[in-house]
C-alpha atoms as a PDB file:
ATOM      1  CA  MET A   1       0.000   0.000   0.000  1.00  0.00           C
ATOM      2  CA  ALA A   2       1.359   3.417  -0.946  1.00  0.00           C
ATOM      3  CA  HIS A   3       1.354   6.387   1.396  1.00  0.00           C
ATOM      4  CA  ASP A   4      -1.553   8.830   1.509  1.00  0.00           C
ATOM      5  CA  GLU A   5      -0.555  11.712  -0.778  1.00  0.00           C
ATOM      6  CA  ASP A   6      -3.139  14.045   0.801  1.00  0.00           C
ATOM      7  CA  LEU A   7      -1.546  13.391   4.191  1.00  0.00           C
ATOM      8  CA  ALA A   8       1.910  13.999   2.696  1.00  0.00           C
ATOM      9  CA  ASP A   9       0.673  17.380   1.433  1.00  0.00           C
ATOM     10  CA  ARG A  10      -0.695  18.214   4.887  1.00  0.00           C
ATOM     11  CA  ILE A  11       2.668  17.309   6.421  1.00  0.00           C
ATOM     12  CA  ARG A  12       4.421  19.573   3.898  1.00  0.00           C
ATOM     13  CA  THR A  13       2.111  22.407   4.940  1.00  0.00           C
ATOM     14  CA  ALA A  14       2.760  21.738   8.640  1.00  0.00           C
ATOM     15  CA  LEU A  15       6.505  21.760   8.010  1.00  0.00           C
ATOM     16  CA  GLY A  16       6.327  25.106   6.246  1.00  0.00           C
ATOM     17  CA  ASP A  17       9.626  26.337   4.876  1.00  0.00           C
ATOM     18  CA  ARG A  18      11.891  24.771   7.518  1.00  0.00           C
ATOM     19  CA  ASP A  19      15.531  24.496   6.540  1.00  0.00           C
ATOM     20  CA  GLY A  20      17.111  21.073   6.184  1.00  0.00           C
ATOM     21  CA  VAL A  21      13.917  19.145   5.367  1.00  0.00           C
ATOM     22  CA  THR A  22      14.080  16.467   2.676  1.00  0.00           C
ATOM     23  CA  GLU A  23      11.704  13.730   1.578  1.00  0.00           C
ATOM     24  CA  MET A  24      12.563  10.075   1.051  1.00  0.00           C
ATOM     25  CA  ARG A  25      10.566   6.924   0.473  1.00  0.00           C
ATOM     26  CA  MET A  26      11.148   4.735   3.533  1.00  0.00           C
ATOM     27  CA  PHE A  27       9.310   1.931   5.349  1.00  0.00           C
ATOM     28  CA  GLY A  28       6.760   1.790   2.525  1.00  0.00           C
ATOM     29  CA  GLY A  29       5.755   5.404   3.161  1.00  0.00           C
ATOM     30  CA  LEU A  30       7.058   8.894   2.521  1.00  0.00           C
ATOM     31  CA  ALA A  31       9.438  10.119   5.220  1.00  0.00           C
ATOM     32  CA  PHE A  32      10.339  13.701   6.016  1.00  0.00           C
ATOM     33  CA  LEU A  33      13.877  14.083   7.288  1.00  0.00           C
ATOM     34  CA  VAL A  34      15.444  16.971   9.187  1.00  0.00           C
ATOM     35  CA  ASN A  35      19.163  17.274   8.481  1.00  0.00           C
ATOM     36  CA  GLY A  36      19.125  13.653   7.312  1.00  0.00           C
ATOM     37  CA  ASN A  37      17.276  12.262  10.348  1.00  0.00           C
ATOM     38  CA  MET A  38      13.749  10.950   9.978  1.00  0.00           C
ATOM     39  CA  ALA A  39      11.182  13.046  11.846  1.00  0.00           C
ATOM     40  CA  VAL A  40       7.801  11.917  10.505  1.00  0.00           C
ATOM     41  CA  ALA A  41       6.386   9.794   7.705  1.00  0.00           C
ATOM     42  CA  ALA A  42       3.094   9.422   5.927  1.00  0.00           C
ATOM     43  CA  SER A  43       2.748   5.723   6.655  1.00  0.00           C
ATOM     44  CA  SER A  44       1.855   3.083   4.122  1.00  0.00           C
ATOM     45  CA  GLN A  45      -0.534   1.771   6.812  1.00  0.00           C
ATOM     46  CA  GLY A  46      -2.330   5.135   7.113  1.00  0.00           C
ATOM     47  CA  GLY A  47      -1.607   7.814   9.679  1.00  0.00           C
ATOM     48  CA  LEU A  48       1.872   8.825  10.805  1.00  0.00           C
ATOM     49  CA  LEU A  49       5.034   7.019  11.713  1.00  0.00           C
ATOM     50  CA  LEU A  50       6.748   9.410  14.099  1.00  0.00           C
ATOM     51  CA  ARG A  51      10.228   9.455  15.573  1.00  0.00           C
ATOM     52  CA  VAL A  52      10.178  10.681  19.168  1.00  0.00           C
ATOM     53  CA  ASP A  53      12.470  10.924  22.141  1.00  0.00           C
ATOM     54  CA  PRO A  54      12.689   7.324  23.435  1.00  0.00           C
ATOM     55  CA  GLY A  55      12.105   8.630  26.964  1.00  0.00           C
ATOM     56  CA  ASP A  56       8.748  10.071  25.875  1.00  0.00           C
ATOM     57  CA  THR A  57       7.434   6.915  24.183  1.00  0.00           C
ATOM     58  CA  ASP A  58       5.565   5.531  27.201  1.00  0.00           C
ATOM     59  CA  SER A  59       3.728   8.789  27.910  1.00  0.00           C
ATOM     60  CA  LEU A  60       2.856   9.423  24.248  1.00  0.00           C
ATOM     61  CA  VAL A  61       1.255   5.999  23.767  1.00  0.00           C
ATOM     62  CA  THR A  62      -1.285   6.852  26.484  1.00  0.00           C
ATOM     63  CA  GLU A  63      -2.882   9.340  24.077  1.00  0.00           C
ATOM     64  CA  ASP A  64      -5.867   8.295  21.959  1.00  0.00           C
ATOM     65  CA  GLY A  65      -4.864   6.919  18.574  1.00  0.00           C
ATOM     66  CA  VAL A  66      -1.170   6.514  19.444  1.00  0.00           C
ATOM     67  CA  THR A  67       0.608   3.160  19.659  1.00  0.00           C
ATOM     68  CA  ARG A  68       4.194   2.031  19.905  1.00  0.00           C
ATOM     69  CA  SER A  69       5.522   1.191  16.436  1.00  0.00           C
ATOM     70  CA  GLU A  70       6.447  -2.376  15.705  1.00  0.00           C
ATOM     71  CA  MET A  71       9.255  -3.198  13.323  1.00  0.00           C
ATOM     72  CA  ARG A  72       9.807  -6.839  12.444  1.00  0.00           C
ATOM     73  CA  GLY A  73       7.546  -7.837  15.310  1.00  0.00           C
ATOM     74  CA  ARG A  74       9.389  -5.792  17.946  1.00  0.00           C
ATOM     75  CA  ALA A  75       7.847  -2.832  19.763  1.00  0.00           C
ATOM     76  CA  MET A  76      10.262   0.077  19.361  1.00  0.00           C
ATOM     77  CA  LYS A  77      11.021   2.833  21.877  1.00  0.00           C
ATOM     78  CA  GLY A  78      11.387   6.154  20.105  1.00  0.00           C
ATOM     79  CA  TRP A  79       8.890   5.339  17.364  1.00  0.00           C
ATOM     80  CA  VAL A  80       5.104   5.732  17.507  1.00  0.00           C
ATOM     81  CA  ASP A  81       2.223   5.291  15.100  1.00  0.00           C
ATOM     82  CA  VAL A  82      -0.386   8.039  15.138  1.00  0.00           C
ATOM     83  CA  ASP A  83      -3.737   6.940  13.755  1.00  0.00           C
ATOM     84  CA  SER A  84      -5.532   9.044  11.164  1.00  0.00           C
ATOM     85  CA  SER A  85      -8.269   9.812  13.697  1.00  0.00           C
ATOM     86  CA  ALA A  86      -5.723  11.587  15.928  1.00  0.00           C
ATOM     87  CA  ILE A  87      -4.583  13.904  13.114  1.00  0.00           C
ATOM     88  CA  ALA A  88      -7.897  14.768  11.472  1.00  0.00           C
ATOM     89  CA  ALA A  89      -7.561  18.420  12.511  1.00  0.00           C
ATOM     90  CA  ASP A  90      -4.656  20.397  11.063  1.00  0.00           C
ATOM     91  CA  ARG A  91      -3.666  21.678  14.514  1.00  0.00           C
ATOM     92  CA  ASP A  92      -3.378  18.088  15.767  1.00  0.00           C
ATOM     93  CA  LEU A  93      -1.265  17.103  12.785  1.00  0.00           C
ATOM     94  CA  ALA A  94       0.939  20.164  13.317  1.00  0.00           C
ATOM     95  CA  ARG A  95       1.455  19.166  16.955  1.00  0.00           C
ATOM     96  CA  TRP A  96       2.617  15.660  16.043  1.00  0.00           C
ATOM     97  CA  VAL A  97       4.815  16.891  13.197  1.00  0.00           C
ATOM     98  CA  GLY A  98       6.326  19.389  15.636  1.00  0.00           C
ATOM     99  CA  ILE A  99       7.139  16.613  18.106  1.00  0.00           C
ATOM    100  CA  GLY A 100       8.929  14.605  15.415  1.00  0.00           C
ATOM    101  CA  VAL A 101      10.791  17.626  14.043  1.00  0.00           C
ATOM    102  CA  ALA A 102      11.851  18.736  17.516  1.00  0.00           C
ATOM    103  CA  PHE A 103      13.365  15.342  18.302  1.00  0.00           C
ATOM    104  CA  ALA A 104      15.041  14.970  14.906  1.00  0.00           C
ATOM    105  CA  GLY A 105      16.547  18.418  15.462  1.00  0.00           C
ATOM    106  CA  THR A 106      18.376  17.134  18.554  1.00  0.00           C
ATOM    107  CA  LEU A 107      20.199  14.470  16.567  1.00  0.00           C
ATOM    108  CA  GLN A 108      23.576  14.838  14.921  1.00  0.00           C
ATOM    109  CA  PRO A 109      23.044  15.925  11.277  1.00  0.00           C
ATOM    110  CA  LYS A 110      23.744  13.226   8.694  1.00  0.00           C
ATOM    111  CA  GLN A 111      25.723  13.944   5.568  1.00  0.00           C
END
């Protein structure tokens, strides 16, 4: 399943004209990277795949529509899935994109 192009456009809008943002097809979706580090992706499963501070994972998954991401059957700290229902409003999407961008911004830039 391909990513949701309408969601990708909404993510682009939420990102605005931030410096250092690139797009790359990853994990079957369309990822948005900040200085080479993935921040958020329009998931091939619908909704967002979001990179977060691993220390915040447990508190974020208590929110409605948010679950810990699983990769190859393993639940991953630092990665959450945000269901489409939790990002229906643009302000909600902007909040989640901001969380992913903020964390990616703390990482060492990749060349």
